[in-house]
Amino acid sequence: MKLNFEFPDEHINEVDCKEDKPTDVWEMYFDGAVNLSGNGIGAVLVSPDGKHFPIAAKLGFDCTNNVAEYEACVMGLHAAIEMKIRKLEVYGDSALIIYQVKGEWQTKDPKLIPYQKYLLELIKKFEEISFTHLSRDKNQFADALATLAVMAQIEEGQTFQTLKIKVRDEPAYCFMIEEERRKALVS
């Protein structure tokens, strides 16, 4: 007896493995950097269609790493509020900040209590908001922005336009070769 492996209704048994993610939810990644060169903060807002909006600031005051982390989170939330974002998923590599904001850890440091209170007030401005702890390696772009803010020599009041980062698959001289090839075809 020969087996028939054709199943005319095989699409009925298909499982859609894609997560049904709402199309109006933004993501925010934040990080702070404190070192001998100074203090900086970075945040990245990511639109539902994948566009990245980086923000960085150099802090002109001494602070702890935890304060810098809170400053970065606040900066990102302010930007989201200005952009009229209503639904936001927040990601950071500071377990302390994430779990304090979620209410799972207590805030005992007197320097951090006002930050936690302020964040809780900012959270009320969103229709939906969640906070998730990430490992450092998953937060590299926000970390790089914070480090860039620390390293750059920026005068007070000075701002820079949007940072563009592209991926190039070939060396720059290949552009010259392609241009010469086009010129040869036209001639």
N, C-alpha and C. Protein backbone atom coordinates (compact mmCIF):
# COMPACT_ATOMS: atom_id res chain seq x y z
N MET A 1 0.84 -1.17 0.00
CA MET A 1 0.00 0.00 0.00
C MET A 1 0.89 1.25 0.00
N LYS A 2 0.59 2.17 -0.87
CA LYS A 2 1.35 3.39 -1.03
C LYS A 2 0.74 4.49 -0.17
N LEU A 3 1.60 5.22 0.58
CA LEU A 3 1.11 6.31 1.42
C LEU A 3 1.04 7.60 0.62
N ASN A 4 0.01 8.38 0.86
CA ASN A 4 -0.17 9.66 0.20
C ASN A 4 0.28 10.77 1.16
N PHE A 5 1.34 11.49 0.79
CA PHE A 5 1.88 12.54 1.66
C PHE A 5 1.36 13.93 1.31
N GLU A 6 0.44 14.02 0.40
CA GLU A 6 -0.13 15.31 0.05
C GLU A 6 -1.30 15.60 1.00
N PHE A 7 -1.26 16.74 1.61
CA PHE A 7 -2.32 17.16 2.53
C PHE A 7 -2.92 18.46 2.00
N PRO A 8 -4.07 18.40 1.36
CA PRO A 8 -4.64 19.60 0.78
C PRO A 8 -4.97 20.69 1.80
N ASP A 9 -5.18 20.32 3.05
CA ASP A 9 -5.53 21.30 4.08
C ASP A 9 -4.38 21.54 5.05
N GLU A 10 -3.14 21.36 4.60
CA GLU A 10 -2.01 21.46 5.52
C GLU A 10 -1.86 22.85 6.14
N HIS A 11 -2.37 23.90 5.49
CA HIS A 11 -2.28 25.26 6.05
C HIS A 11 -3.09 25.39 7.34
N ILE A 12 -4.07 24.53 7.53
CA ILE A 12 -4.91 24.59 8.74
C ILE A 12 -4.09 24.28 9.98
N ASN A 13 -3.08 23.44 9.85
CA ASN A 13 -2.27 23.04 10.99
C ASN A 13 -1.05 23.94 11.21
N GLU A 14 -0.90 24.99 10.42
CA GLU A 14 0.23 25.88 10.59
C GLU A 14 0.10 26.65 11.89
N VAL A 15 1.24 26.83 12.52
CA VAL A 15 1.27 27.61 13.75
C VAL A 15 2.01 28.89 13.47
N ASP A 16 1.40 30.02 13.79
CA ASP A 16 2.05 31.30 13.60
C ASP A 16 2.93 31.55 14.81
N CYS A 17 4.25 31.51 14.61
CA CYS A 17 5.19 31.67 15.71
C CYS A 17 5.51 33.13 15.98
N LYS A 18 5.04 34.04 15.13
CA LYS A 18 5.32 35.45 15.34
C LYS A 18 4.50 35.95 16.52
N GLU A 19 5.16 36.74 17.34
CA GLU A 19 4.44 37.35 18.45
C GLU A 19 3.55 38.45 17.89
N ASP A 20 2.31 38.49 18.36
CA ASP A 20 1.42 39.57 17.97
C ASP A 20 1.75 40.76 18.84
N LYS A 21 2.62 41.62 18.34
CA LYS A 21 3.05 42.79 19.09
C LYS A 21 2.26 43.99 18.58
N PRO A 22 1.65 44.73 19.48
CA PRO A 22 0.90 45.91 19.04
C PRO A 22 1.80 46.86 18.26
N THR A 23 1.24 47.50 17.26
CA THR A 23 2.04 48.35 16.39
C THR A 23 2.23 49.77 16.94
N ASP A 24 1.67 50.07 18.08
CA ASP A 24 1.83 51.42 18.62
C ASP A 24 2.70 51.45 19.88
N VAL A 25 3.41 50.36 20.15
CA VAL A 25 4.27 50.30 21.33
C VAL A 25 5.71 50.64 20.93
N TRP A 26 6.28 51.62 21.61
CA TRP A 26 7.67 52.03 21.41
C TRP A 26 8.54 51.32 22.43
N GLU A 27 9.85 51.31 22.18
CA GLU A 27 10.83 50.78 23.13
C GLU A 27 11.78 51.90 23.52
N MET A 28 12.27 51.84 24.75
CA MET A 28 13.28 52.80 25.20
C MET A 28 14.38 52.03 25.92
N TYR A 29 15.62 52.32 25.58
CA TYR A 29 16.78 51.74 26.23
C TYR A 29 17.55 52.89 26.87
N PHE A 30 18.03 52.68 28.09
CA PHE A 30 18.76 53.76 28.77
C PHE A 30 19.99 53.21 29.48
N ASP A 31 20.97 54.11 29.69
CA ASP A 31 22.18 53.72 30.44
C ASP A 31 22.91 54.97 30.88
N GLY A 32 23.65 54.86 31.95
CA GLY A 32 24.47 55.94 32.47
C GLY A 32 25.92 55.48 32.52
N ALA A 33 26.83 56.45 32.43
CA ALA A 33 28.25 56.14 32.50
C ALA A 33 28.92 57.12 33.45
N VAL A 34 29.64 56.58 34.42
CA VAL A 34 30.39 57.40 35.38
C VAL A 34 31.82 56.88 35.39
N ASN A 35 32.77 57.78 35.07
CA ASN A 35 34.18 57.38 35.13
C ASN A 35 35.03 58.61 35.41
N LEU A 36 36.33 58.46 35.37
CA LEU A 36 37.24 59.55 35.70
C LEU A 36 37.12 60.73 34.73
N SER A 37 36.64 60.48 33.51
CA SER A 37 36.50 61.54 32.52
C SER A 37 35.24 62.38 32.74
N GLY A 38 34.28 61.87 33.49
CA GLY A 38 33.04 62.60 33.72
C GLY A 38 31.84 61.67 33.80
N ASN A 39 30.67 62.26 33.63
CA ASN A 39 29.42 61.52 33.75
C ASN A 39 28.56 61.78 32.52
N GLY A 40 27.99 60.73 31.97
CA GLY A 40 27.14 60.89 30.79
C GLY A 40 25.97 59.93 30.84
N ILE A 41 24.94 60.28 30.09
CA ILE A 41 23.75 59.43 30.03
C ILE A 41 23.33 59.27 28.58
N GLY A 42 22.71 58.15 28.30
CA GLY A 42 22.23 57.88 26.95
C GLY A 42 20.91 57.15 26.99
N ALA A 43 20.09 57.43 26.00
CA ALA A 43 18.82 56.73 25.84
C ALA A 43 18.52 56.62 24.35
N VAL A 44 17.80 55.58 23.99
CA VAL A 44 17.41 55.37 22.61
C VAL A 44 15.93 55.03 22.60
N LEU A 45 15.17 55.79 21.84
CA LEU A 45 13.76 55.47 21.63
C LEU A 45 13.66 54.76 20.28
N VAL A 46 12.93 53.64 20.25
CA VAL A 46 12.78 52.87 19.02
C VAL A 46 11.30 52.81 18.68
N SER A 47 10.96 53.32 17.50
CA SER A 47 9.57 53.35 17.06
C SER A 47 9.09 51.96 16.71
N PRO A 48 7.78 51.77 16.62
CA PRO A 48 7.27 50.44 16.25
C PRO A 48 7.77 49.95 14.89
N ASP A 49 8.13 50.89 13.98
CA ASP A 49 8.64 50.47 12.68
C ASP A 49 10.17 50.38 12.65
N GLY A 50 10.82 50.49 13.83
CA GLY A 50 12.25 50.24 13.93
C GLY A 50 13.16 51.45 13.80
N LYS A 51 12.61 52.66 13.69
CA LYS A 51 13.46 53.85 13.63
C LYS A 51 14.03 54.14 15.01
N HIS A 52 15.31 54.50 15.05
CA HIS A 52 16.00 54.78 16.31
C HIS A 52 16.17 56.28 16.51
N PHE A 53 15.87 56.75 17.72
CA PHE A 53 16.03 58.15 18.08
C PHE A 53 16.96 58.23 19.30
N PRO A 54 18.26 58.44 19.04
CA PRO A 54 19.23 58.47 20.15
C PRO A 54 19.27 59.83 20.84
N ILE A 55 19.51 59.81 22.14
CA ILE A 55 19.65 61.02 22.94
C ILE A 55 20.81 60.78 23.90
N ALA A 56 21.65 61.79 24.07
CA ALA A 56 22.76 61.68 25.01
C ALA A 56 22.97 63.02 25.69
N ALA A 57 23.45 63.00 26.90
CA ALA A 57 23.74 64.24 27.63
C ALA A 57 24.94 64.02 28.53
N LYS A 58 25.75 65.05 28.61
CA LYS A 58 26.87 65.05 29.55
C LYS A 58 26.35 65.69 30.83
N LEU A 59 26.61 65.04 31.96
CA LEU A 59 26.17 65.59 33.25
C LEU A 59 27.26 66.49 33.81
N GLY A 60 26.90 67.70 34.16
CA GLY A 60 27.87 68.66 34.67
C GLY A 60 27.96 68.67 36.18
N PHE A 61 27.62 67.56 36.79
CA PHE A 61 27.70 67.45 38.25
C PHE A 61 28.19 66.06 38.61
N ASP A 62 28.81 65.95 39.79
CA ASP A 62 29.27 64.65 40.26
C ASP A 62 28.09 63.81 40.69
N CYS A 63 28.17 62.53 40.41
CA CYS A 63 27.09 61.63 40.82
C CYS A 63 27.59 60.19 40.87
N THR A 64 26.79 59.35 41.47
CA THR A 64 27.09 57.92 41.51
C THR A 64 26.57 57.28 40.23
N ASN A 65 26.96 56.05 39.99
CA ASN A 65 26.47 55.32 38.83
C ASN A 65 24.95 55.18 38.87
N ASN A 66 24.39 54.90 40.06
CA ASN A 66 22.94 54.74 40.17
C ASN A 66 22.20 56.03 39.85
N VAL A 67 22.75 57.17 40.28
CA VAL A 67 22.14 58.46 39.95
C VAL A 67 22.18 58.68 38.44
N ALA A 68 23.31 58.34 37.81
CA ALA A 68 23.42 58.49 36.36
C ALA A 68 22.40 57.60 35.64
N GLU A 69 22.19 56.41 36.15
CA GLU A 69 21.18 55.51 35.56
C GLU A 69 19.79 56.13 35.65
N TYR A 70 19.44 56.66 36.83
CA TYR A 70 18.15 57.32 36.99
C TYR A 70 18.04 58.52 36.05
N GLU A 71 19.11 59.32 35.95
CA GLU A 71 19.11 60.48 35.07
C GLU A 71 18.85 60.05 33.62
N ALA A 72 19.47 58.95 33.20
CA ALA A 72 19.28 58.45 31.83
C ALA A 72 17.83 58.02 31.60
N CYS A 73 17.26 57.33 32.57
CA CYS A 73 15.88 56.88 32.45
C CYS A 73 14.93 58.09 32.38
N VAL A 74 15.16 59.06 33.24
CA VAL A 74 14.33 60.27 33.24
C VAL A 74 14.44 61.00 31.90
N MET A 75 15.66 61.14 31.38
CA MET A 75 15.85 61.81 30.10
C MET A 75 15.08 61.10 28.99
N GLY A 76 15.16 59.77 28.96
CA GLY A 76 14.43 59.00 27.95
C GLY A 76 12.93 59.16 28.07
N LEU A 77 12.43 59.13 29.31
CA LEU A 77 10.99 59.30 29.52
C LEU A 77 10.53 60.70 29.11
N HIS A 78 11.33 61.71 29.43
CA HIS A 78 11.00 63.08 29.01
C HIS A 78 10.89 63.15 27.49
N ALA A 79 11.85 62.56 26.79
CA ALA A 79 11.82 62.57 25.32
C ALA A 79 10.57 61.86 24.80
N ALA A 80 10.23 60.73 25.42
CA ALA A 80 9.04 59.99 25.00
C ALA A 80 7.77 60.83 25.22
N ILE A 81 7.71 61.53 26.32
CA ILE A 81 6.56 62.39 26.62
C ILE A 81 6.48 63.52 25.59
N GLU A 82 7.63 64.14 25.27
CA GLU A 82 7.66 65.20 24.26
C GLU A 82 7.21 64.70 22.90
N MET A 83 7.53 63.45 22.60
CA MET A 83 7.15 62.86 21.31
C MET A 83 5.71 62.32 21.34
N LYS A 84 5.04 62.52 22.45
CA LYS A 84 3.65 62.09 22.64
C LYS A 84 3.47 60.57 22.49
N ILE A 85 4.45 59.84 22.96
CA ILE A 85 4.39 58.38 22.96
C ILE A 85 3.48 57.96 24.12
N ARG A 86 2.53 57.09 23.86
CA ARG A 86 1.57 56.68 24.89
C ARG A 86 1.87 55.29 25.46
N LYS A 87 2.49 54.44 24.66
CA LYS A 87 2.78 53.07 25.09
C LYS A 87 4.28 52.83 24.94
N LEU A 88 4.91 52.38 26.04
CA LEU A 88 6.36 52.30 26.05
C LEU A 88 6.84 51.09 26.84
N GLU A 89 7.80 50.39 26.26
CA GLU A 89 8.50 49.31 26.96
C GLU A 89 9.90 49.84 27.26
N VAL A 90 10.27 49.91 28.54
CA VAL A 90 11.54 50.48 28.96
C VAL A 90 12.51 49.36 29.31
N TYR A 91 13.74 49.46 28.79
CA TYR A 91 14.77 48.46 29.04
C TYR A 91 16.03 49.13 29.58
N GLY A 92 16.60 48.54 30.61
CA GLY A 92 17.85 49.05 31.16
C GLY A 92 18.65 47.93 31.79
N ASP A 93 19.97 48.13 31.89
CA ASP A 93 20.81 47.09 32.48
C ASP A 93 21.07 47.30 33.97
N SER A 94 20.40 48.30 34.56
CA SER A 94 20.52 48.53 36.00
C SER A 94 19.38 47.82 36.72
N ALA A 95 19.70 46.68 37.32
CA ALA A 95 18.68 45.93 38.06
C ALA A 95 18.11 46.80 39.18
N LEU A 96 18.96 47.59 39.82
CA LEU A 96 18.51 48.45 40.92
C LEU A 96 17.39 49.38 40.46
N ILE A 97 17.59 50.09 39.37
CA ILE A 97 16.60 51.04 38.88
C ILE A 97 15.32 50.31 38.46
N ILE A 98 15.46 49.28 37.67
CA ILE A 98 14.29 48.55 37.16
C ILE A 98 13.44 48.01 38.30
N TYR A 99 14.07 47.33 39.26
CA TYR A 99 13.30 46.70 40.33
C TYR A 99 12.79 47.71 41.35
N GLN A 100 13.47 48.85 41.51
CA GLN A 100 12.95 49.89 42.39
C GLN A 100 11.72 50.54 41.77
N VAL A 101 11.77 50.81 40.48
CA VAL A 101 10.62 51.43 39.80
C VAL A 101 9.43 50.47 39.79
N LYS A 102 9.69 49.18 39.64
CA LYS A 102 8.61 48.21 39.65
C LYS A 102 8.06 47.97 41.06
N GLY A 103 8.75 48.50 42.06
CA GLY A 103 8.30 48.32 43.44
C GLY A 103 8.72 47.01 44.07
N GLU A 104 9.61 46.27 43.39
CA GLU A 104 10.05 44.98 43.91
C GLU A 104 11.21 45.13 44.89
N TRP A 105 11.94 46.23 44.79
CA TRP A 105 13.02 46.52 45.73
C TRP A 105 12.75 47.87 46.37
N GLN A 106 13.17 48.01 47.60
CA GLN A 106 13.01 49.28 48.29
C GLN A 106 14.16 50.22 47.95
N THR A 107 13.85 51.50 47.97
CA THR A 107 14.88 52.51 47.75
C THR A 107 15.28 53.04 49.11
N LYS A 108 16.51 52.76 49.50
CA LYS A 108 16.98 53.19 50.82
C LYS A 108 17.96 54.35 50.75
N ASP A 109 18.67 54.47 49.64
CA ASP A 109 19.66 55.53 49.47
C ASP A 109 18.93 56.88 49.38
N PRO A 110 19.22 57.81 50.30
CA PRO A 110 18.52 59.10 50.28
C PRO A 110 18.69 59.88 48.97
N LYS A 111 19.79 59.63 48.22
CA LYS A 111 19.99 60.30 46.93
C LYS A 111 19.04 59.76 45.87
N LEU A 112 18.60 58.52 46.03
CA LEU A 112 17.77 57.89 45.00
C LEU A 112 16.27 58.03 45.24
N ILE A 113 15.87 58.28 46.47
CA ILE A 113 14.44 58.38 46.81
C ILE A 113 13.73 59.43 45.95
N PRO A 114 14.29 60.66 45.81
CA PRO A 114 13.59 61.64 44.95
C PRO A 114 13.51 61.20 43.49
N TYR A 115 14.53 60.49 43.02
CA TYR A 115 14.49 59.99 41.64
C TYR A 115 13.37 58.98 41.46
N GLN A 116 13.24 58.06 42.40
CA GLN A 116 12.19 57.06 42.29
C GLN A 116 10.82 57.73 42.31
N LYS A 117 10.62 58.68 43.21
CA LYS A 117 9.34 59.40 43.27
C LYS A 117 9.05 60.11 41.96
N TYR A 118 10.07 60.77 41.41
CA TYR A 118 9.89 61.49 40.16
C TYR A 118 9.55 60.54 39.01
N LEU A 119 10.24 59.42 38.93
CA LEU A 119 9.94 58.44 37.88
C LEU A 119 8.51 57.93 38.00
N LEU A 120 8.06 57.69 39.21
CA LEU A 120 6.69 57.21 39.40
C LEU A 120 5.68 58.25 38.93
N GLU A 121 6.01 59.53 39.06
CA GLU A 121 5.14 60.60 38.54
C GLU A 121 5.16 60.61 37.01
N LEU A 122 6.33 60.45 36.43
CA LEU A 122 6.44 60.43 34.96
C LEU A 122 5.69 59.25 34.36
N ILE A 123 5.72 58.12 35.04
CA ILE A 123 5.06 56.91 34.55
C ILE A 123 3.57 57.14 34.35
N LYS A 124 2.97 57.98 35.17
CA LYS A 124 1.53 58.26 35.09
C LYS A 124 1.14 58.93 33.78
N LYS A 125 2.10 59.47 33.07
CA LYS A 125 1.82 60.18 31.81
C LYS A 125 1.67 59.22 30.63
N PHE A 126 1.86 57.93 30.86
CA PHE A 126 1.77 56.94 29.79
C PHE A 126 0.50 56.11 29.96
N GLU A 127 -0.06 55.73 28.84
CA GLU A 127 -1.22 54.85 28.84
C GLU A 127 -0.81 53.44 29.28
N GLU A 128 0.32 52.99 28.74
CA GLU A 128 0.91 51.69 29.11
C GLU A 128 2.42 51.86 29.20
N ILE A 129 3.00 51.27 30.23
CA ILE A 129 4.46 51.31 30.36
C ILE A 129 4.92 50.08 31.12
N SER A 130 6.03 49.51 30.69
CA SER A 130 6.60 48.36 31.39
C SER A 130 8.11 48.57 31.50
N PHE A 131 8.71 47.93 32.50
CA PHE A 131 10.14 48.03 32.74
C PHE A 131 10.73 46.63 32.76
N THR A 132 11.81 46.44 32.01
CA THR A 132 12.45 45.13 31.91
C THR A 132 13.95 45.28 32.07
N HIS A 133 14.53 44.40 32.90
CA HIS A 133 15.98 44.39 33.09
C HIS A 133 16.63 43.63 31.95
N LEU A 134 17.70 44.21 31.39
CA LEU A 134 18.48 43.60 30.31
C LEU A 134 19.89 43.32 30.78
N SER A 135 20.54 42.38 30.16
CA SER A 135 21.97 42.20 30.42
C SER A 135 22.71 43.32 29.69
N ARG A 136 23.91 43.62 30.13
CA ARG A 136 24.69 44.73 29.55
C ARG A 136 24.89 44.56 28.04
N ASP A 137 25.12 43.34 27.60
CA ASP A 137 25.39 43.12 26.18
C ASP A 137 24.17 43.39 25.30
N LYS A 138 22.99 43.45 25.87
CA LYS A 138 21.77 43.75 25.11
C LYS A 138 21.45 45.25 25.15
N ASN A 139 22.29 46.03 25.83
CA ASN A 139 22.05 47.46 26.00
C ASN A 139 23.23 48.28 25.47
N GLN A 140 23.90 47.76 24.46
CA GLN A 140 25.15 48.36 23.99
C GLN A 140 24.98 49.74 23.38
N PHE A 141 23.89 49.99 22.67
CA PHE A 141 23.74 51.28 22.01
C PHE A 141 23.55 52.40 23.03
N ALA A 142 22.70 52.18 24.03
CA ALA A 142 22.52 53.19 25.08
C ALA A 142 23.82 53.40 25.85
N ASP A 143 24.54 52.32 26.10
CA ASP A 143 25.83 52.40 26.79
C ASP A 143 26.83 53.23 25.97
N ALA A 144 26.86 52.98 24.67
CA ALA A 144 27.78 53.72 23.80
C ALA A 144 27.43 55.21 23.78
N LEU A 145 26.16 55.55 23.78
CA LEU A 145 25.75 56.95 23.82
C LEU A 145 26.19 57.63 25.12
N ALA A 146 26.00 56.92 26.25
CA ALA A 146 26.41 57.47 27.54
C ALA A 146 27.92 57.68 27.58
N THR A 147 28.67 56.72 27.07
CA THR A 147 30.13 56.83 27.03
C THR A 147 30.57 57.96 26.09
N LEU A 148 29.89 58.09 24.95
CA LEU A 148 30.19 59.17 24.02
C LEU A 148 29.97 60.53 24.70
N ALA A 149 28.89 60.66 25.45
CA ALA A 149 28.61 61.91 26.15
C ALA A 149 29.71 62.23 27.16
N VAL A 150 30.23 61.20 27.82
CA VAL A 150 31.32 61.42 28.78
C VAL A 150 32.58 61.88 28.05
N MET A 151 32.92 61.24 26.96
CA MET A 151 34.19 61.47 26.28
C MET A 151 34.23 62.76 25.46
N ALA A 152 33.09 63.19 24.95
CA ALA A 152 33.06 64.37 24.08
C ALA A 152 33.27 65.65 24.89
N GLN A 153 34.02 66.57 24.31
CA GLN A 153 34.21 67.88 24.92
C GLN A 153 33.08 68.78 24.45
N ILE A 154 32.09 68.93 25.30
CA ILE A 154 30.89 69.70 24.94
C ILE A 154 30.78 70.90 25.87
N GLU A 155 30.57 72.05 25.27
CA GLU A 155 30.36 73.25 26.07
C GLU A 155 28.89 73.35 26.44
N GLU A 156 28.61 74.01 27.55
CA GLU A 156 27.23 74.18 27.99
C GLU A 156 26.41 74.88 26.92
N GLY A 157 25.23 74.36 26.65
CA GLY A 157 24.34 74.94 25.66
C GLY A 157 24.57 74.42 24.24
N GLN A 158 25.64 73.69 24.02
CA GLN A 158 25.96 73.16 22.70
C GLN A 158 25.16 71.89 22.46
N THR A 159 24.54 71.78 21.29
CA THR A 159 23.82 70.56 20.93
C THR A 159 24.30 70.07 19.58
N PHE A 160 24.08 68.80 19.33
CA PHE A 160 24.44 68.18 18.06
C PHE A 160 23.19 67.62 17.42
N GLN A 161 23.18 67.58 16.11
CA GLN A 161 22.05 67.01 15.40
C GLN A 161 22.07 65.49 15.53
N THR A 162 21.03 64.88 15.01
CA THR A 162 20.86 63.44 15.10
C THR A 162 22.10 62.67 14.64
N LEU A 163 22.45 61.66 15.38
CA LEU A 163 23.57 60.79 15.08
C LEU A 163 23.11 59.74 14.07
N LYS A 164 23.82 59.65 12.95
CA LYS A 164 23.50 58.62 11.95
C LYS A 164 24.59 57.57 11.96
N ILE A 165 24.20 56.33 12.09
CA ILE A 165 25.14 55.23 12.03
C ILE A 165 24.65 54.28 10.95
N LYS A 166 25.51 54.01 9.99
CA LYS A 166 25.15 53.11 8.90
C LYS A 166 26.08 51.91 8.91
N VAL A 167 25.65 50.84 8.28
CA VAL A 167 26.48 49.65 8.11
C VAL A 167 26.94 49.63 6.66
N ARG A 168 28.24 49.53 6.48
CA ARG A 168 28.80 49.42 5.14
C ARG A 168 29.35 48.03 4.95
N ASP A 169 28.96 47.43 3.83
CA ASP A 169 29.36 46.07 3.54
C ASP A 169 30.65 45.97 2.74
N GLU A 170 31.15 47.12 2.27
CA GLU A 170 32.37 47.08 1.48
C GLU A 170 33.21 48.31 1.79
N PRO A 171 34.52 48.21 1.53
CA PRO A 171 35.41 49.34 1.81
C PRO A 171 35.06 50.57 0.97
N ALA A 172 35.44 51.74 1.45
CA ALA A 172 35.11 53.00 0.79
C ALA A 172 35.65 53.08 -0.63
N TYR A 173 36.83 52.52 -0.89
CA TYR A 173 37.40 52.62 -2.24
C TYR A 173 36.55 51.93 -3.29
N CYS A 174 35.67 51.01 -2.87
CA CYS A 174 34.77 50.33 -3.81
C CYS A 174 33.81 51.32 -4.46
N PHE A 175 33.50 52.41 -3.76
CA PHE A 175 32.64 53.44 -4.34
C PHE A 175 33.32 54.06 -5.56
N MET A 176 34.64 54.25 -5.49
CA MET A 176 35.40 54.82 -6.59
C MET A 176 35.39 53.86 -7.78
N ILE A 177 35.56 52.58 -7.53
CA ILE A 177 35.57 51.58 -8.59
C ILE A 177 34.21 51.56 -9.29
N GLU A 178 33.14 51.61 -8.50
CA GLU A 178 31.78 51.61 -9.06
C GLU A 178 31.55 52.87 -9.89
N GLU A 179 32.03 54.02 -9.43
CA GLU A 179 31.90 55.28 -10.16
C GLU A 179 32.66 55.20 -11.49
N GLU A 180 33.86 54.65 -11.47
CA GLU A 180 34.63 54.50 -12.71
C GLU A 180 33.93 53.56 -13.68
N ARG A 181 33.31 52.53 -13.17
CA ARG A 181 32.58 51.58 -14.00
C ARG A 181 31.40 52.28 -14.67
N ARG A 182 30.67 53.13 -13.92
CA ARG A 182 29.54 53.87 -14.48
C ARG A 182 30.02 54.83 -15.58
N LYS A 183 31.13 55.53 -15.33
CA LYS A 183 31.68 56.47 -16.31
C LYS A 183 32.04 55.72 -17.59
N ALA A 184 32.61 54.53 -17.47
CA ALA A 184 33.00 53.74 -18.64
C ALA A 184 31.78 53.32 -19.44
N LEU A 185 30.69 53.01 -18.77
CA LEU A 185 29.47 52.59 -19.46
C LEU A 185 28.83 53.76 -20.21
N VAL A 186 28.93 54.97 -19.65
CA VAL A 186 28.34 56.15 -20.27
C VAL A 186 29.15 56.56 -21.49
N SER A 187 30.45 56.39 -21.45
CA SER A 187 31.33 56.84 -22.54
C SER A 187 31.17 56.01 -23.78
